[in-house]
Amino acid sequence: MIHPTAMVSTKAEIGKNVSIGPWVTVEEGCIIGDESEIRAHAVIMTGSTIGHRNQIGYGAIIGAEPQDVSFKGASSFVSIGNDNIIREYVTIHRGSAESSITRIGNGCFLMAGSHVAHNCFLEDEVVLVNNVLLAGYVHVERKAFLGGAAVVHQHVRIGELTMTRGQTRIGKDLPPYFMAVDTNEVSGINRVGLKRAGITEEIRRKIEKAYKILYFEGLNVSQALEKIERISDCPEIKKLVAFIRATKRGICLARRKNANANITEE
């Protein structure tokens, strides 16, 4: 159903059983998948592709031009997967460079007022609580949870199954399975999230052991990773090691208030 006040381009592609509410704008070239709901006053701009069974909240803006001083009007895109909930006044900007894409996976929950900047990539089942702000090129891995009003610097990576406390400020990569607090600090592993995700107690203990080796044994990064690799060849430990080895910004350090020692630089 399309409300009579909605402004939907005849050159937009609208799927089956789509609900488009009052005063919604859907621009030319947009694609909206089956059984999606676009609530009142939302704006879906040219270059946006929205998959099936998505809910787009009141006043949300999808596909606006990037807030990037180098942007010169390039043709770029937003791609949103299936089964996402995008609540009121969320903003998702399209890519900055020519033909580049801002991507949202499947089953994500973006709460009211959160912002996803140009060229971000959110994998499946990511949660952004109210007013989370992601700068450009941020990569958030699957099932990461970012608490309210957390802010993330451009080009940062947020690892799988991490938990970020509300109002945390992140400018360095956050390794998988850890909990982020304050400014570029971690305070243990995400035990509850790991358990809910079906990670066994045995694997959780191995991840916790890796955390302690990384931060509290006085080793540099390379030494710590070599020792962590000897813990287990399970996928979780392999992923943790690979993530840290790939960092270009450095990783968050142990919380100073609780730590007697921090990881040393290479």
Protein backbone atom coordinates (compact mmCIF):
# COMPACT_ATOMS: atom_id res chain seq x y z
CA MET A 1 0.00 0.00 0.00
CA ILE A 2 1.29 3.44 -0.93
CA HIS A 3 -0.20 6.39 0.95
CA PRO A 4 -1.63 9.03 -1.39
CA THR A 5 0.66 11.72 0.05
CA ALA A 6 3.84 9.70 -0.60
CA MET A 7 6.06 10.86 -3.45
CA VAL A 8 7.27 7.72 -5.20
CA SER A 9 9.13 8.01 -8.49
CA THR A 10 7.67 6.04 -11.35
CA LYS A 11 11.28 4.96 -12.00
CA ALA A 12 11.65 3.36 -8.57
CA GLU A 13 11.27 -0.42 -8.28
CA ILE A 14 8.81 -1.37 -5.53
CA GLY A 15 8.41 -5.01 -4.51
CA LYS A 16 5.34 -6.96 -3.46
CA ASN A 17 3.34 -6.10 -0.31
CA VAL A 18 5.39 -2.98 0.43
CA SER A 19 3.86 -0.41 2.78
CA ILE A 20 4.83 3.22 2.12
CA GLY A 21 3.51 5.72 4.64
CA PRO A 22 2.44 9.39 4.55
CA TRP A 23 4.84 11.94 3.06
CA VAL A 24 7.52 9.38 2.25
CA THR A 25 9.88 10.23 -0.62
CA VAL A 26 11.28 7.46 -2.83
CA GLU A 27 13.51 8.82 -5.58
CA GLU A 28 14.27 7.60 -9.08
CA GLY A 29 16.27 4.38 -9.34
CA CYS A 30 15.60 3.14 -5.80
CA ILE A 31 14.80 -0.53 -5.21
CA ILE A 32 12.64 -1.61 -2.26
CA GLY A 33 12.25 -5.33 -1.65
CA ASP A 34 9.12 -7.33 -0.87
CA GLU A 35 7.20 -6.92 2.38
CA SER A 36 9.17 -3.88 3.52
CA GLU A 37 7.64 -1.02 5.46
CA ILE A 38 8.65 2.60 4.92
CA ARG A 39 7.14 4.76 7.67
CA ALA A 40 5.99 8.37 7.48
CA HIS A 41 8.39 11.11 6.35
CA ALA A 42 11.25 8.74 5.52
CA VAL A 43 13.37 9.65 2.49
CA ILE A 44 14.90 6.99 0.23
CA MET A 45 17.30 8.68 -2.19
CA THR A 46 18.64 7.73 -5.60
CA GLY A 47 21.20 4.93 -5.44
CA SER A 48 19.55 3.11 -2.52
CA THR A 49 18.73 -0.60 -2.66
CA ILE A 50 16.68 -2.03 0.22
CA GLY A 51 16.14 -5.78 0.46
CA HIS A 52 13.17 -7.76 1.71
CA ARG A 53 11.24 -7.39 4.99
CA ASN A 54 12.96 -4.23 6.16
CA GLN A 55 11.39 -1.64 8.42
CA ILE A 56 12.46 1.96 7.76
CA GLY A 57 11.40 4.24 10.60
CA TYR A 58 9.77 7.66 10.74
CA GLY A 59 11.94 10.39 9.28
CA ALA A 60 14.88 8.10 8.42
CA ILE A 61 17.13 9.27 5.57
CA ILE A 62 18.67 6.58 3.37
CA GLY A 63 21.20 7.43 0.66
CA ALA A 64 21.89 11.13 1.24
CA GLU A 65 25.17 12.48 -0.12
CA PRO A 66 28.20 11.92 2.12
CA GLN A 67 29.46 14.53 4.57
CA ASP A 68 32.89 14.52 2.96
CA VAL A 69 34.63 17.71 1.77
CA SER A 70 36.26 15.72 -1.04
CA PHE A 71 32.89 14.63 -2.42
CA LYS A 72 32.35 16.00 -5.93
CA GLY A 73 28.96 14.56 -6.80
CA ALA A 74 30.05 11.01 -7.62
CA SER A 75 27.43 8.39 -8.47
CA SER A 76 27.47 6.13 -5.40
CA PHE A 77 25.18 3.83 -3.50
CA VAL A 78 23.64 2.39 -0.33
CA SER A 79 22.90 -1.33 -0.18
CA ILE A 80 20.74 -2.72 2.65
CA GLY A 81 20.12 -6.45 3.03
CA ASN A 82 17.09 -8.26 4.43
CA ASP A 83 15.22 -8.26 7.74
CA ASN A 84 16.69 -5.07 9.17
CA ILE A 85 15.02 -2.67 11.59
CA ILE A 86 16.07 0.93 10.97
CA ARG A 87 14.31 3.16 13.45
CA GLU A 88 13.25 6.80 13.42
CA TYR A 89 15.65 9.49 12.21
CA VAL A 90 18.49 7.11 11.38
CA THR A 91 20.77 8.49 8.66
CA ILE A 92 22.71 6.26 6.25
CA HIS A 93 24.86 8.11 3.70
CA ARG A 94 25.95 6.75 0.34
CA GLY A 95 29.56 6.16 -0.67
CA SER A 96 31.96 9.00 -1.28
CA ALA A 97 34.02 7.81 -4.26
CA GLU A 98 32.59 6.99 -7.68
CA SER A 99 30.57 3.72 -7.64
CA SER A 100 31.41 3.08 -3.98
CA ILE A 101 28.86 1.62 -1.57
CA THR A 102 27.74 1.93 2.03
CA ARG A 103 26.60 -1.56 3.03
CA ILE A 104 24.23 -2.85 5.71
CA GLY A 105 23.94 -6.63 6.05
CA ASN A 106 21.00 -8.74 7.22
CA GLY A 107 19.15 -8.69 10.52
CA CYS A 108 20.69 -5.48 11.85
CA PHE A 109 18.96 -3.21 14.37
CA LEU A 110 19.77 0.50 14.05
CA MET A 111 18.01 2.39 16.82
CA ALA A 112 16.73 5.95 16.75
CA GLY A 113 19.11 8.70 15.77
CA SER A 114 22.07 6.51 14.85
CA HIS A 115 24.29 7.58 11.95
CA VAL A 116 26.13 5.43 9.41
CA ALA A 117 28.54 7.53 7.34
CA HIS A 118 29.78 6.99 3.82
CA ASN A 119 31.43 3.70 2.88
CA CYS A 120 30.71 1.95 6.17
CA PHE A 121 30.14 -1.79 6.15
CA LEU A 122 27.90 -3.37 8.79
CA GLU A 123 27.88 -7.16 8.69
CA ASP A 124 24.88 -9.24 9.80
CA GLU A 125 23.03 -8.80 13.10
CA VAL A 126 24.83 -5.64 14.20
CA VAL A 127 23.08 -3.52 16.83
CA LEU A 128 23.54 0.26 17.05
CA VAL A 129 21.76 1.71 20.08
CA ASN A 130 20.34 5.25 20.00
CA ASN A 131 22.64 7.99 18.70
CA VAL A 132 25.63 5.81 17.84
CA LEU A 133 27.81 7.70 15.34
CA LEU A 134 29.96 5.83 12.81
CA ALA A 135 32.39 7.91 10.76
CA GLY A 136 33.37 7.04 7.20
CA TYR A 137 34.78 3.63 6.21
CA VAL A 138 34.04 1.98 9.57
CA HIS A 139 33.72 -1.81 9.34
CA VAL A 140 31.53 -3.46 11.99
CA GLU A 141 31.69 -7.25 12.06
CA ARG A 142 28.78 -9.60 12.71
CA LYS A 143 26.82 -9.46 15.97
CA ALA A 144 28.73 -6.50 17.36
CA PHE A 145 26.73 -4.40 19.84
CA LEU A 146 27.43 -0.67 20.22
CA GLY A 147 25.83 1.05 23.21
CA GLY A 148 24.04 4.38 23.14
CA ALA A 149 25.95 7.45 21.94
CA ALA A 150 29.15 5.51 21.23
CA VAL A 151 31.31 7.24 18.60
CA VAL A 152 33.69 5.53 16.18
CA HIS A 153 36.49 7.25 14.21
CA GLN A 154 36.84 6.77 10.46
CA HIS A 155 38.50 3.59 9.15
CA VAL A 156 38.16 1.79 12.50
CA ARG A 157 37.22 -1.90 12.60
CA ILE A 158 34.85 -3.23 15.26
CA GLY A 159 35.31 -6.96 15.74
CA GLU A 160 32.78 -9.77 15.79
CA LEU A 161 30.69 -10.25 18.96
CA THR A 162 32.16 -7.21 20.67
CA MET A 163 30.26 -5.15 23.23
CA THR A 164 30.80 -1.39 23.36
CA ARG A 165 29.60 0.47 26.45
CA GLY A 166 27.42 3.54 25.93
CA GLN A 167 29.27 6.83 25.28
CA THR A 168 32.52 5.01 24.51
CA ARG A 169 34.91 6.71 22.09
CA ILE A 170 36.77 4.41 19.72
CA GLY A 171 39.64 5.49 17.49
CA LYS A 172 41.52 2.20 17.35
CA ASP A 173 40.49 -1.26 16.18
CA LEU A 174 38.42 -3.24 18.70
CA PRO A 175 39.40 -6.94 18.56
CA PRO A 176 36.68 -9.58 18.33
CA TYR A 177 34.97 -10.80 21.53
CA PHE A 178 36.21 -7.93 23.74
CA MET A 179 34.32 -5.21 25.66
CA ALA A 180 35.13 -1.55 24.88
CA VAL A 181 34.90 1.22 27.49
CA ASP A 182 35.89 4.88 27.90
CA THR A 183 38.36 5.99 25.18
CA ASN A 184 40.18 3.26 23.21
CA GLU A 185 40.14 0.85 26.14
CA VAL A 186 38.86 -2.67 26.78
CA SER A 187 37.79 -4.25 30.07
CA GLY A 188 37.57 -7.98 29.49
CA ILE A 189 35.74 -10.25 27.10
CA ASN A 190 32.06 -10.12 26.15
CA ARG A 191 31.11 -13.17 28.20
CA VAL A 192 27.34 -12.71 28.02
CA GLY A 193 27.34 -12.03 24.28
CA LEU A 194 29.56 -15.02 23.59
CA LYS A 195 27.34 -17.30 25.64
CA ARG A 196 24.19 -16.05 23.90
CA ALA A 197 25.86 -16.65 20.55
CA GLY A 198 26.39 -20.30 21.42
CA ILE A 199 30.13 -20.11 22.04
CA THR A 200 30.98 -22.98 24.43
CA GLU A 201 32.47 -22.45 27.87
CA GLU A 202 35.67 -24.14 26.71
CA ILE A 203 36.10 -21.66 23.87
CA ARG A 204 35.15 -18.73 26.11
CA ARG A 205 37.93 -19.72 28.51
CA LYS A 206 40.41 -19.85 25.63
CA ILE A 207 39.38 -16.37 24.50
CA GLU A 208 39.79 -15.07 28.04
CA LYS A 209 43.24 -16.66 28.25
CA ALA A 210 44.17 -14.96 24.97
CA TYR A 211 42.98 -11.63 26.38
CA LYS A 212 45.23 -11.99 29.43
CA ILE A 213 48.23 -12.94 27.32
CA LEU A 214 47.67 -9.96 25.04
CA TYR A 215 47.41 -7.38 27.79
CA PHE A 216 48.96 -8.60 31.02
CA GLU A 217 52.09 -10.60 30.28
CA GLY A 218 54.30 -7.70 29.21
CA LEU A 219 54.70 -8.98 25.65
CA ASN A 220 54.73 -6.93 22.49
CA VAL A 221 52.03 -7.59 19.91
CA SER A 222 54.00 -10.09 17.86
CA GLN A 223 55.13 -12.07 20.89
CA ALA A 224 51.62 -12.13 22.34
CA LEU A 225 50.07 -13.36 19.10
CA GLU A 226 52.63 -16.14 18.75
CA LYS A 227 51.77 -17.33 22.25
CA ILE A 228 48.02 -16.99 21.66
CA GLU A 229 48.26 -19.15 18.54
CA ARG A 230 49.53 -22.00 20.70
CA ILE A 231 46.38 -21.94 22.85
CA SER A 232 44.18 -23.55 20.21
CA ASP A 233 43.54 -23.81 16.49
CA CYS A 234 39.81 -23.15 16.98
CA PRO A 235 38.20 -20.65 14.56
CA GLU A 236 37.68 -18.03 17.27
CA ILE A 237 41.35 -17.86 18.24
CA LYS A 238 42.39 -17.85 14.58
CA LYS A 239 40.00 -14.97 13.90
CA LEU A 240 41.26 -12.97 16.88
CA VAL A 241 44.89 -13.36 15.82
CA ALA A 242 44.17 -12.55 12.16
CA PHE A 243 42.16 -9.45 13.11
CA ILE A 244 44.96 -8.04 15.26
CA ARG A 245 47.65 -8.82 12.68
CA ALA A 246 45.66 -6.91 10.05
CA THR A 247 45.31 -3.72 12.09
CA LYS A 248 46.56 -0.46 10.61
CA ARG A 249 45.41 1.82 13.43
CA GLY A 250 46.53 -0.27 16.39
CA ILE A 251 44.15 -1.92 18.85
CA CYS A 252 42.37 -0.72 21.95
CA LEU A 253 44.42 -1.22 25.13
CA ALA A 254 43.53 -2.60 28.54
CA ARG A 255 41.60 -0.24 30.78
CA ARG A 256 44.13 1.79 32.76
CA LYS A 257 42.01 1.92 35.91
CA ASN A 258 42.09 -1.87 36.22
CA ALA A 259 45.39 -2.77 34.61
CA ASN A 260 48.79 -2.96 36.25
CA ALA A 261 50.38 -3.48 32.84
CA ASN A 262 49.49 -2.69 29.25
CA ILE A 263 50.59 -4.25 26.04
CA THR A 264 53.84 -2.79 24.76
CA GLU A 265 54.30 -1.41 21.28
CA GLU A 266 56.16 -3.36 18.63
